């Protein structure tokens, strides 16, 4: 199964595109990502799609360091729940080790490591992506993210000994040096950052041992919840994201997962499911929430649920709920009114 990552990996993408005068939506559409994908930072999206998006965005904006510029817009909270544990670590080494140990919680494509020898520490960044997927921008985003974490901890005046990239120089070096410092090297054996090991001993003055204990308990709860790694979980997420576009078909979802229709059908069948059943269940779940809100017209709800017309939505709703949408909305409102009465 292809690796996925939290959509939070694209934090700052829309703002950067806007500042450079290009349409984020049109670029996202070219790689099969829906416009609403970034609204929920905890949504998991194909890592290959993100890698391709970064490449075409760098080309469209004529910015060879596009992903590095994005990395400067990230915050520790971009990582999700794991950031709560990292923030309370007593020193930088502990924080980096937690980040590495739990990297699959925010990006399944990451395969990074830390080694120390001879007074030097090396953070190596690898991405598990198909060979056919261009990954230069994705690699630079990941290296830039680690650089940002290190610099936030060590101060704006800190510089790494070397920032290494395995790919050739993309034009000039100045854009990369402006973000990463002067010691940027290309055509190296690995992607990553080399720094003094002593830098990792830097204490975190804001660390609170009691808060760390609470943060670990919270992380344990998050990790105990089923991860969004099964085919059906990913299909549900893509269905929900594509319903408002009116293009929610098994072919469209399969393309978003970078598989063909038959492969997707086979994977769902292995779990005793079908695409139509997941589509129906997702619509039922969303309809109960959307219809209850009087601020939305029923025609608008029909569109958000991917129906071609209000009449098609009305027939579907009556079939599944046993009454019209307007009747269901009135009952829901009456129930709320009764609860509010003293």
Protein backbone atom coordinates (compact mmCIF):
# COMPACT_ATOMS: atom_id res chain seq x y z
CA UNK A 1 0.00 0.00 0.00
CA UNK A 2 1.29 3.45 -0.91
CA UNK A 3 2.40 5.60 2.04
CA UNK A 4 0.14 8.44 3.15
CA UNK A 5 0.84 11.60 5.12
CA UNK A 6 -1.22 14.09 7.10
CA UNK A 7 -2.41 16.97 4.94
CA UNK A 8 -0.73 19.23 7.52
CA UNK A 9 2.46 18.49 5.57
CA UNK A 10 1.17 21.13 3.13
CA UNK A 11 0.87 23.81 5.81
CA UNK A 12 1.51 27.18 4.16
CA UNK A 13 1.02 25.82 0.63
CA UNK A 14 -2.06 27.87 -0.25
CA UNK A 15 -0.62 31.07 1.23
CA UNK A 16 2.67 30.64 -0.62
CA UNK A 17 0.89 29.97 -3.92
CA UNK A 18 -1.30 33.03 -3.40
CA UNK A 19 1.71 35.24 -2.68
CA UNK A 20 3.37 34.01 -5.88
CA UNK A 21 0.29 34.58 -8.02
CA UNK A 22 -0.67 30.99 -8.85
CA UNK A 23 -3.84 29.03 -8.12
CA UNK A 24 -3.33 26.38 -5.45
CA UNK A 25 -6.64 24.74 -6.38
CA UNK A 26 -5.74 24.25 -10.04
CA UNK A 27 -2.35 22.77 -9.16
CA UNK A 28 -3.88 20.44 -6.58
CA UNK A 29 -6.46 19.28 -9.12
CA UNK A 30 -3.66 18.20 -11.47
CA UNK A 31 -2.49 15.61 -8.92
CA UNK A 32 -5.96 14.49 -7.83
CA UNK A 33 -6.22 16.47 -4.58
CA UNK A 34 -9.57 18.14 -3.91
CA UNK A 35 -9.78 21.85 -2.94
CA UNK A 36 -11.08 21.00 0.55
CA UNK A 37 -8.23 18.61 1.30
CA UNK A 38 -6.23 21.11 3.35
CA UNK A 39 -9.15 22.25 5.50
CA UNK A 40 -8.64 19.25 7.79
CA UNK A 41 -4.99 18.92 8.80
CA UNK A 42 -5.58 15.40 10.13
CA UNK A 43 -6.76 14.07 6.78
CA UNK A 44 -4.36 11.52 5.28
CA UNK A 45 -3.43 11.99 1.63
CA UNK A 46 -1.16 10.02 -0.76
CA UNK A 47 2.51 10.92 -0.30
CA UNK A 48 3.09 10.54 -4.05
CA UNK A 49 0.44 13.14 -4.78
CA UNK A 50 2.11 15.58 -2.38
CA UNK A 51 5.52 14.97 -3.98
CA UNK A 52 4.12 15.59 -7.47
CA UNK A 53 2.27 18.68 -6.28
CA UNK A 54 5.45 20.23 -4.90
CA UNK A 55 7.31 19.55 -8.16
CA UNK A 56 4.71 21.14 -10.44
CA UNK A 57 4.32 24.05 -8.01
CA UNK A 58 8.05 24.78 -8.13
CA UNK A 59 7.84 24.75 -11.92
CA UNK A 60 4.69 26.89 -12.08
CA UNK A 61 6.15 29.53 -9.76
CA UNK A 62 9.71 29.32 -11.14
CA UNK A 63 10.98 28.88 -7.57
CA UNK A 64 13.62 26.16 -7.30
CA UNK A 65 13.40 26.35 -3.49
CA UNK A 66 9.58 26.32 -3.37
CA UNK A 67 9.37 23.55 -0.75
CA UNK A 68 12.08 25.15 1.38
CA UNK A 69 10.06 28.36 1.43
CA UNK A 70 7.09 26.30 2.61
CA UNK A 71 9.15 24.77 5.41
CA UNK A 72 9.65 28.25 6.84
CA UNK A 73 5.88 28.56 7.30
CA UNK A 74 5.61 25.44 9.47
CA UNK A 75 5.30 25.27 13.23
CA UNK A 76 5.92 22.41 15.62
CA UNK A 77 2.15 21.99 15.93
CA UNK A 78 2.10 21.01 12.23
CA UNK A 79 3.16 17.54 13.38
CA UNK A 80 -0.12 16.97 15.23
CA UNK A 81 -0.49 15.29 18.65
CA UNK A 82 3.17 14.22 18.76
CA UNK A 83 4.14 17.91 19.01
CA UNK A 84 2.72 18.02 22.55
CA UNK A 85 5.24 15.38 23.66
CA UNK A 86 8.13 16.93 21.73
CA UNK A 87 7.49 20.37 23.25
CA UNK A 88 7.97 19.04 26.79
CA UNK A 89 11.17 17.03 26.19
CA UNK A 90 14.03 18.05 28.52
CA UNK A 91 16.58 18.53 25.73
CA UNK A 92 16.90 18.68 21.95
CA UNK A 93 18.29 15.14 21.60
CA UNK A 94 15.24 13.69 23.36
CA UNK A 95 12.94 15.76 21.16
CA UNK A 96 14.59 14.54 17.93
CA UNK A 97 14.47 10.92 19.10
CA UNK A 98 10.74 11.19 19.84
CA UNK A 99 10.22 12.76 16.42
CA UNK A 100 12.05 9.88 14.75
CA UNK A 101 10.41 7.14 16.82
CA UNK A 102 6.90 8.29 15.93
CA UNK A 103 7.41 9.60 12.39
CA UNK A 104 4.70 7.29 11.03
CA UNK A 105 2.14 9.22 13.09
CA UNK A 106 2.44 12.18 10.74
CA UNK A 107 4.13 10.86 7.57
CA UNK A 108 4.27 7.20 6.52
CA UNK A 109 6.75 8.00 3.74
CA UNK A 110 9.45 9.24 6.12
CA UNK A 111 12.36 6.99 7.00
CA UNK A 112 14.75 9.24 8.93
CA UNK A 113 17.51 8.43 11.40
CA UNK A 114 19.99 10.02 13.81
CA UNK A 115 23.60 8.90 14.27
CA UNK A 116 26.41 10.32 16.41
CA UNK A 117 30.12 9.74 15.94
CA UNK A 118 33.29 11.71 16.58
CA UNK A 119 31.48 14.63 18.12
CA UNK A 120 29.17 15.02 15.13
CA UNK A 121 25.47 14.25 14.79
CA UNK A 122 23.87 13.43 11.46
CA UNK A 123 20.15 13.45 10.72
CA UNK A 124 19.56 11.45 7.54
CA UNK A 125 16.30 12.03 5.66
CA UNK A 126 14.91 9.33 3.36
CA UNK A 127 11.52 9.09 1.67
CA UNK A 128 9.80 5.84 0.74
CA UNK A 129 8.29 6.78 -2.62
CA UNK A 130 7.98 4.91 -5.93
CA UNK A 131 11.00 5.44 -8.17
CA UNK A 132 8.78 7.00 -10.82
CA UNK A 133 7.74 9.83 -8.47
CA UNK A 134 9.96 12.94 -8.56
CA UNK A 135 10.96 13.67 -4.97
CA UNK A 136 13.43 16.56 -4.92
CA UNK A 137 10.99 19.10 -3.54
CA UNK A 138 9.55 16.60 -1.03
CA UNK A 139 13.06 15.81 0.23
CA UNK A 140 13.86 19.51 0.57
CA UNK A 141 10.62 20.07 2.47
CA UNK A 142 11.52 17.31 4.95
CA UNK A 143 15.10 18.57 5.40
CA UNK A 144 13.79 22.12 5.75
CA UNK A 145 11.33 20.99 8.43
CA UNK A 146 14.12 19.41 10.49
CA UNK A 147 16.24 22.53 10.01
CA UNK A 148 13.37 24.66 11.29
CA UNK A 149 12.97 22.51 14.42
CA UNK A 150 16.70 22.68 15.13
CA UNK A 151 16.89 26.42 14.59
CA UNK A 152 13.83 27.09 16.75
CA UNK A 153 15.53 25.18 19.57
CA UNK A 154 19.08 26.51 19.11
CA UNK A 155 18.31 30.11 18.19
CA UNK A 156 18.17 32.12 14.98
CA UNK A 157 21.96 32.51 14.97
CA UNK A 158 22.58 28.76 14.81
CA UNK A 159 23.93 27.24 11.62
CA UNK A 160 24.44 23.54 10.80
CA UNK A 161 27.90 22.34 9.80
CA UNK A 162 26.47 21.05 6.52
CA UNK A 163 23.12 20.54 4.86
CA UNK A 164 23.41 17.74 2.31
CA UNK A 165 21.30 16.84 -0.70
CA UNK A 166 21.78 13.81 -2.91
CA UNK A 167 20.35 15.57 -5.98
CA UNK A 168 22.27 17.98 -8.24
CA UNK A 169 22.26 21.76 -7.81
CA UNK A 170 18.85 23.07 -9.01
CA UNK A 171 20.14 26.16 -10.78
CA UNK A 172 21.77 28.51 -8.28
CA UNK A 173 22.46 27.91 -4.60
CA UNK A 174 21.44 31.30 -3.24
CA UNK A 175 17.78 30.45 -2.54
CA UNK A 176 18.83 27.38 -0.57
CA UNK A 177 21.52 29.26 1.32
CA UNK A 178 19.08 32.00 2.29
CA UNK A 179 16.99 29.40 4.15
CA UNK A 180 19.56 26.84 5.30
CA UNK A 181 22.74 28.85 5.69
CA UNK A 182 25.95 28.95 3.65
CA UNK A 183 27.03 25.30 4.03
CA UNK A 184 24.65 23.68 1.55
CA UNK A 185 26.12 20.88 -0.57
CA UNK A 186 24.62 18.91 -3.45
CA UNK A 187 25.46 15.57 -5.08
CA UNK A 188 26.22 14.16 -1.64
CA UNK A 189 25.70 10.48 -0.65
CA UNK A 190 22.65 11.32 1.49
CA UNK A 191 20.01 13.92 2.29
CA UNK A 192 20.22 15.43 5.75
CA UNK A 193 21.86 17.74 8.26
CA UNK A 194 25.22 17.50 10.02
CA UNK A 195 25.73 19.40 13.28
CA UNK A 196 27.81 19.22 16.43
CA UNK A 197 26.55 16.48 18.76
CA UNK A 198 26.88 18.93 21.65
CA UNK A 199 24.07 20.99 20.09
CA UNK A 200 21.71 18.15 20.93
CA UNK A 201 22.50 18.59 24.64
CA UNK A 202 20.75 21.97 24.58
CA UNK A 203 18.21 22.07 27.39
CA UNK A 204 14.60 23.06 26.89
CA UNK A 205 13.90 25.81 29.45
CA UNK A 206 10.15 25.50 28.88
CA UNK A 207 10.00 21.74 29.60
CA UNK A 208 7.59 20.73 32.35
CA UNK A 209 7.93 17.13 33.62
CA UNK A 210 4.33 17.06 34.81
CA UNK A 211 3.01 18.30 31.47
CA UNK A 212 5.23 15.73 29.74
CA UNK A 213 3.51 12.96 31.68
CA UNK A 214 0.09 14.27 30.61
CA UNK A 215 1.25 14.66 27.00
CA UNK A 216 2.49 11.06 26.94
CA UNK A 217 -0.85 9.83 28.28
CA UNK A 218 -2.63 11.77 25.53
CA UNK A 219 -0.29 10.37 22.89
CA UNK A 220 -0.95 6.84 24.17
CA UNK A 221 -4.68 7.44 23.73
CA UNK A 222 -4.13 8.68 20.19
CA UNK A 223 -1.96 5.68 19.34
CA UNK A 224 -4.54 3.29 20.78
CA UNK A 225 -7.10 4.58 18.28
CA UNK A 226 -7.19 2.76 14.94
CA UNK A 227 -4.81 4.45 12.54
CA UNK A 228 -6.08 5.51 9.13
CA UNK A 229 -4.07 2.86 7.33
CA UNK A 230 -6.67 0.40 6.04
CA UNK A 231 -8.00 0.70 2.48
CA UNK A 232 -11.52 1.41 3.71
CA UNK A 233 -10.36 4.26 5.99
CA UNK A 234 -8.57 5.95 3.13
CA UNK A 235 -11.49 5.45 0.76
CA UNK A 236 -13.86 6.99 3.34
CA UNK A 237 -11.61 10.04 3.66
CA UNK A 238 -11.40 10.49 -0.12
CA UNK A 239 -15.15 10.04 -0.53
CA UNK A 240 -15.83 12.75 2.03
CA UNK A 241 -13.34 15.09 0.37
CA UNK A 242 -14.65 14.57 -3.17
CA UNK A 243 -18.42 14.51 -2.56
CA UNK A 244 -18.83 18.32 -2.82
CA UNK A 245 -17.10 18.31 -6.21
CA UNK A 246 -19.72 16.05 -7.78
CA UNK A 247 -16.94 13.72 -9.00
CA UNK A 248 -17.11 11.05 -6.32
CA UNK A 249 -16.81 7.85 -8.32
CA UNK A 250 -14.82 4.69 -7.74
CA UNK A 251 -12.64 5.64 -10.72
CA UNK A 252 -11.87 9.06 -9.22
CA UNK A 253 -11.06 7.64 -5.79
CA UNK A 254 -8.91 4.90 -7.33
CA UNK A 255 -6.90 7.53 -9.23
CA UNK A 256 -6.40 9.48 -5.99
CA UNK A 257 -4.99 6.29 -4.43
CA UNK A 258 -2.87 5.69 -7.54
CA UNK A 259 -4.41 2.29 -8.24
CA UNK A 260 -6.86 1.11 -10.89
CA UNK A 261 -10.57 0.48 -10.36
CA UNK A 262 -10.22 -3.29 -10.15
CA UNK A 263 -7.44 -3.11 -7.56
CA UNK A 264 -9.51 -0.85 -5.33
CA UNK A 265 -12.55 -3.09 -5.70
CA UNK A 266 -10.46 -6.14 -4.78
CA UNK A 267 -8.97 -4.49 -1.67
CA UNK A 268 -12.37 -3.43 -0.40
CA UNK A 269 -13.87 -6.84 -1.12
CA UNK A 270 -11.13 -8.43 0.97
CA UNK A 271 -12.63 -6.56 3.94
CA UNK A 272 -16.19 -7.49 2.98
CA UNK A 273 -16.97 -4.00 1.71
CA UNK A 274 -17.89 -2.29 -1.52
CA UNK A 275 -17.41 1.25 -2.78
CA UNK A 276 -21.15 1.85 -3.04
CA UNK A 277 -21.67 0.76 0.58
CA UNK A 278 -18.93 3.13 1.80
CA UNK A 279 -20.35 5.95 -0.30
CA UNK A 280 -23.83 5.41 1.12
CA UNK A 281 -22.59 5.18 4.71
CA UNK A 282 -20.56 8.38 4.33
CA UNK A 283 -23.55 10.23 2.90
CA UNK A 284 -25.76 9.05 5.76
CA UNK A 285 -23.25 10.22 8.35
CA UNK A 286 -22.80 13.62 6.72
CA UNK A 287 -26.51 14.08 6.02
CA UNK A 288 -27.46 13.72 9.70
CA UNK A 289 -25.15 16.63 10.49
CA UNK A 290 -25.78 18.86 7.47
CA UNK A 291 -29.56 18.60 7.36
CA UNK A 292 -29.80 19.46 11.06
CA UNK A 293 -28.21 22.88 10.45
CA UNK A 294 -30.90 25.27 9.27
CA UNK A 295 -28.28 27.75 8.02
CA UNK A 296 -27.78 25.54 4.95
CA UNK A 297 -30.51 25.21 2.36
CA UNK A 298 -31.46 21.68 1.40
CA UNK A 299 -30.31 22.42 -2.15
CA UNK A 300 -26.90 23.30 -0.76
CA UNK A 301 -26.86 20.10 1.29
CA UNK A 302 -27.68 18.11 -1.84
CA UNK A 303 -24.66 19.61 -3.57
CA UNK A 304 -22.34 18.97 -0.62
CA UNK A 305 -23.39 15.31 -0.65
CA UNK A 306 -22.60 14.99 -4.34
CA UNK A 307 -26.11 14.71 -5.77
CA UNK A 308 -26.74 15.98 -9.29
CA UNK A 309 -30.06 17.57 -8.32
CA UNK A 310 -32.18 18.34 -5.23
CA UNK A 311 -34.77 15.81 -6.44
CA UNK A 312 -32.17 13.01 -6.51
CA UNK A 313 -31.15 13.94 -2.97
CA UNK A 314 -34.80 13.98 -1.83
CA UNK A 315 -35.41 10.46 -3.15
CA UNK A 316 -32.23 9.16 -1.53
CA UNK A 317 -32.99 10.83 1.80
CA UNK A 318 -36.53 9.45 2.02
CA UNK A 319 -35.25 5.97 1.16
CA UNK A 320 -32.68 6.03 3.98
CA UNK A 321 -34.44 8.08 6.67
CA UNK A 322 -38.11 7.24 6.03
CA UNK A 323 -39.18 10.87 5.69
CA UNK A 324 -38.33 13.99 3.73
CA UNK A 325 -35.28 16.06 4.58
CA UNK A 326 -37.46 19.02 5.58
CA UNK A 327 -39.49 16.80 7.95
CA UNK A 328 -36.30 15.37 9.48
CA UNK A 329 -34.92 18.91 9.93
CA UNK A 330 -38.11 20.04 11.69
CA UNK A 331 -38.01 17.06 14.05
CA UNK A 332 -34.38 17.74 14.87
CA UNK A 333 -35.19 21.38 15.60
CA UNK A 334 -38.18 20.43 17.77
CA UNK A 335 -35.98 18.05 19.74
CA UNK A 336 -33.41 20.80 20.34
CA UNK A 337 -36.14 23.22 21.43
CA UNK A 338 -37.47 20.70 23.95
CA UNK A 339 -34.01 20.20 25.42
CA UNK A 340 -33.60 23.93 25.91
CA UNK A 341 -36.87 24.34 27.79
CA UNK A 342 -36.49 24.63 31.59
